[in-house]
Amino acid sequence: MLETLSPQVLKALTDVTGEMTLDSAVRIVTRDAVEHRLENISDQIRAFEQKYGMPFPQFDAAFQARAIPNQHSFAIEQDYLEWEGLICRQRRLQEVQEWLG
């Protein structure tokens, strides 16, 4: 079910984007939001790469081979899961970004 937008939200969308059609305005705002989220995710991924000195595929291979010191500590397992989640989220958002054009 599609809800209607209030006149204030519609005005804000058209003022922010300069677009007069709702579809165009929503597409622009969504594209900007996806780009912003991708930048944040990239920053977080870079932080993990710096922390562990390698990209995730290499870290994952070392983790699976049990070559990461103290890899079953809570902190390292938490980093692994968060990093893996960021990679998955990044892929999904990149697909949305491609769809939005």
C-alpha atoms as a PDB file:
ATOM      1  CA  MET A   1       0.000   0.000   0.000  1.00  0.00           C
ATOM      2  CA  LEU A   2       1.385   3.377  -1.021  1.00  0.00           C
ATOM      3  CA  GLU A   3       0.767   6.208   1.390  1.00  0.00           C
ATOM      4  CA  THR A   4       0.479   9.770   0.212  1.00  0.00           C
ATOM      5  CA  LEU A   5       3.105  12.332   1.106  1.00  0.00           C
ATOM      6  CA  SER A   6       2.213  15.396   3.050  1.00  0.00           C
ATOM      7  CA  PRO A   7       2.485  18.670   1.150  1.00  0.00           C
ATOM      8  CA  GLN A   8       5.389  19.663   3.411  1.00  0.00           C
ATOM      9  CA  VAL A   9       7.414  16.551   2.536  1.00  0.00           C
ATOM     10  CA  LEU A  10       6.657  16.977  -1.154  1.00  0.00           C
ATOM     11  CA  LYS A  11       7.756  20.619  -0.989  1.00  0.00           C
ATOM     12  CA  ALA A  12      10.936  19.650   0.860  1.00  0.00           C
ATOM     13  CA  LEU A  13      11.758  17.012  -1.765  1.00  0.00           C
ATOM     14  CA  THR A  14      11.231  19.414  -4.644  1.00  0.00           C
ATOM     15  CA  ASP A  15      13.116  22.232  -2.881  1.00  0.00           C
ATOM     16  CA  VAL A  16      16.101  19.994  -2.041  1.00  0.00           C
ATOM     17  CA  THR A  17      16.355  18.394  -5.469  1.00  0.00           C
ATOM     18  CA  GLY A  18      15.031  21.090  -7.770  1.00  0.00           C
ATOM     19  CA  GLU A  19      12.844  18.435  -9.415  1.00  0.00           C
ATOM     20  CA  MET A  20       9.148  18.985  -9.916  1.00  0.00           C
ATOM     21  CA  THR A  21       8.089  15.332 -10.185  1.00  0.00           C
ATOM     22  CA  LEU A  22       7.915  13.125  -7.129  1.00  0.00           C
ATOM     23  CA  ASP A  23       9.557  10.162  -8.880  1.00  0.00           C
ATOM     24  CA  SER A  24      12.581  12.203  -9.950  1.00  0.00           C
ATOM     25  CA  ALA A  25      12.928  13.853  -6.546  1.00  0.00           C
ATOM     26  CA  VAL A  26      12.726  10.544  -4.673  1.00  0.00           C
ATOM     27  CA  ARG A  27      15.223   8.941  -7.060  1.00  0.00           C
ATOM     28  CA  ILE A  28      17.727  11.771  -6.478  1.00  0.00           C
ATOM     29  CA  VAL A  29      17.325  11.697  -2.691  1.00  0.00           C
ATOM     30  CA  THR A  30      17.632   7.911  -2.665  1.00  0.00           C
ATOM     31  CA  ARG A  31      20.715   7.991  -4.891  1.00  0.00           C
ATOM     32  CA  ASP A  32      22.325  10.565  -2.573  1.00  0.00           C
ATOM     33  CA  ALA A  33      21.467   8.477   0.503  1.00  0.00           C
ATOM     34  CA  VAL A  34      22.931   5.326  -1.049  1.00  0.00           C
ATOM     35  CA  GLU A  35      26.101   7.183  -2.028  1.00  0.00           C
ATOM     36  CA  HIS A  36      26.451   8.552   1.508  1.00  0.00           C
ATOM     37  CA  ARG A  37      25.962   5.117   3.053  1.00  0.00           C
ATOM     38  CA  LEU A  38      28.486   3.578   0.663  1.00  0.00           C
ATOM     39  CA  GLU A  39      31.052   6.196   1.685  1.00  0.00           C
ATOM     40  CA  ASN A  40      30.454   5.398   5.370  1.00  0.00           C
ATOM     41  CA  ILE A  41      30.724   1.667   4.745  1.00  0.00           C
ATOM     42  CA  SER A  42      33.945   2.153   2.764  1.00  0.00           C
ATOM     43  CA  ASP A  43      35.406   4.124   5.678  1.00  0.00           C
ATOM     44  CA  GLN A  44      34.497   1.349   8.108  1.00  0.00           C
ATOM     45  CA  ILE A  45      35.931  -1.330   5.809  1.00  0.00           C
ATOM     46  CA  ARG A  46      39.159   0.677   5.452  1.00  0.00           C
ATOM     47  CA  ALA A  47      39.415   0.854   9.235  1.00  0.00           C
ATOM     48  CA  PHE A  48      39.225  -2.950   9.469  1.00  0.00           C
ATOM     49  CA  GLU A  49      41.769  -3.303   6.644  1.00  0.00           C
ATOM     50  CA  GLN A  50      44.148  -1.008   8.513  1.00  0.00           C
ATOM     51  CA  LYS A  51      43.528  -2.750  11.820  1.00  0.00           C
ATOM     52  CA  TYR A  52      44.300  -6.208  10.414  1.00  0.00           C
ATOM     53  CA  GLY A  53      46.675  -5.173   7.617  1.00  0.00           C
ATOM     54  CA  MET A  54      44.744  -6.967   4.875  1.00  0.00           C
ATOM     55  CA  PRO A  55      41.509  -6.891   2.870  1.00  0.00           C
ATOM     56  CA  PHE A  56      38.564  -9.023   3.988  1.00  0.00           C
ATOM     57  CA  PRO A  57      39.051 -11.913   1.506  1.00  0.00           C
ATOM     58  CA  GLN A  58      42.579 -12.413   2.841  1.00  0.00           C
ATOM     59  CA  PHE A  59      41.401 -12.062   6.453  1.00  0.00           C
ATOM     60  CA  ASP A  60      38.575 -14.524   5.799  1.00  0.00           C
ATOM     61  CA  ALA A  61      40.988 -17.075   4.300  1.00  0.00           C
ATOM     62  CA  ALA A  62      43.334 -16.702   7.278  1.00  0.00           C
ATOM     63  CA  PHE A  63      40.395 -16.949   9.679  1.00  0.00           C
ATOM     64  CA  GLN A  64      39.111 -20.122   8.000  1.00  0.00           C
ATOM     65  CA  ALA A  65      42.649 -21.560   8.134  1.00  0.00           C
ATOM     66  CA  ARG A  66      42.768 -20.679  11.855  1.00  0.00           C
ATOM     67  CA  ALA A  67      45.806 -18.483  11.214  1.00  0.00           C
ATOM     68  CA  ILE A  68      44.558 -15.374  13.043  1.00  0.00           C
ATOM     69  CA  PRO A  69      46.029 -15.157  16.564  1.00  0.00           C
ATOM     70  CA  ASN A  70      43.291 -15.282  19.236  1.00  0.00           C
ATOM     71  CA  GLN A  71      40.696 -15.498  16.498  1.00  0.00           C
ATOM     72  CA  HIS A  72      38.077 -16.943  18.819  1.00  0.00           C
ATOM     73  CA  SER A  73      38.243 -14.007  21.178  1.00  0.00           C
ATOM     74  CA  PHE A  74      35.012 -12.059  21.380  1.00  0.00           C
ATOM     75  CA  ALA A  75      36.584  -8.932  19.850  1.00  0.00           C
ATOM     76  CA  ILE A  76      38.023 -10.677  16.802  1.00  0.00           C
ATOM     77  CA  GLU A  77      34.899 -12.731  16.152  1.00  0.00           C
ATOM     78  CA  GLN A  78      32.820  -9.581  16.491  1.00  0.00           C
ATOM     79  CA  ASP A  79      35.105  -7.752  14.033  1.00  0.00           C
ATOM     80  CA  TYR A  80      34.843 -10.663  11.601  1.00  0.00           C
ATOM     81  CA  LEU A  81      31.048 -10.656  11.688  1.00  0.00           C
ATOM     82  CA  GLU A  82      30.798  -6.877  11.434  1.00  0.00           C
ATOM     83  CA  TRP A  83      33.326  -6.725   8.588  1.00  0.00           C
ATOM     84  CA  GLU A  84      31.563  -9.512   6.705  1.00  0.00           C
ATOM     85  CA  GLY A  85      28.240  -7.708   7.215  1.00  0.00           C
ATOM     86  CA  LEU A  86      29.713  -4.479   5.846  1.00  0.00           C
ATOM     87  CA  ILE A  87      30.945  -6.290   2.734  1.00  0.00           C
ATOM     88  CA  CYS A  88      27.479  -7.789   2.155  1.00  0.00           C
ATOM     89  CA  ARG A  89      25.751  -4.450   2.753  1.00  0.00           C
ATOM     90  CA  GLN A  90      28.192  -2.740   0.401  1.00  0.00           C
ATOM     91  CA  ARG A  91      27.357  -5.223  -2.381  1.00  0.00           C
ATOM     92  CA  ARG A  92      23.614  -4.745  -1.912  1.00  0.00           C
ATOM     93  CA  LEU A  93      23.916  -0.962  -1.940  1.00  0.00           C
ATOM     94  CA  GLN A  94      26.125  -1.081  -5.043  1.00  0.00           C
ATOM     95  CA  GLU A  95      23.376  -3.071  -6.783  1.00  0.00           C
ATOM     96  CA  VAL A  96      20.818  -0.431  -5.759  1.00  0.00           C
ATOM     97  CA  GLN A  97      23.190   2.316  -6.944  1.00  0.00           C
ATOM     98  CA  GLU A  98      23.497   0.641 -10.366  1.00  0.00           C
ATOM     99  CA  TRP A  99      19.725   0.291 -10.598  1.00  0.00           C
ATOM    100  CA  LEU A 100      19.211   3.953  -9.740  1.00  0.00           C
ATOM    101  CA  GLY A 101      21.699   4.984 -12.396  1.00  0.00           C
END
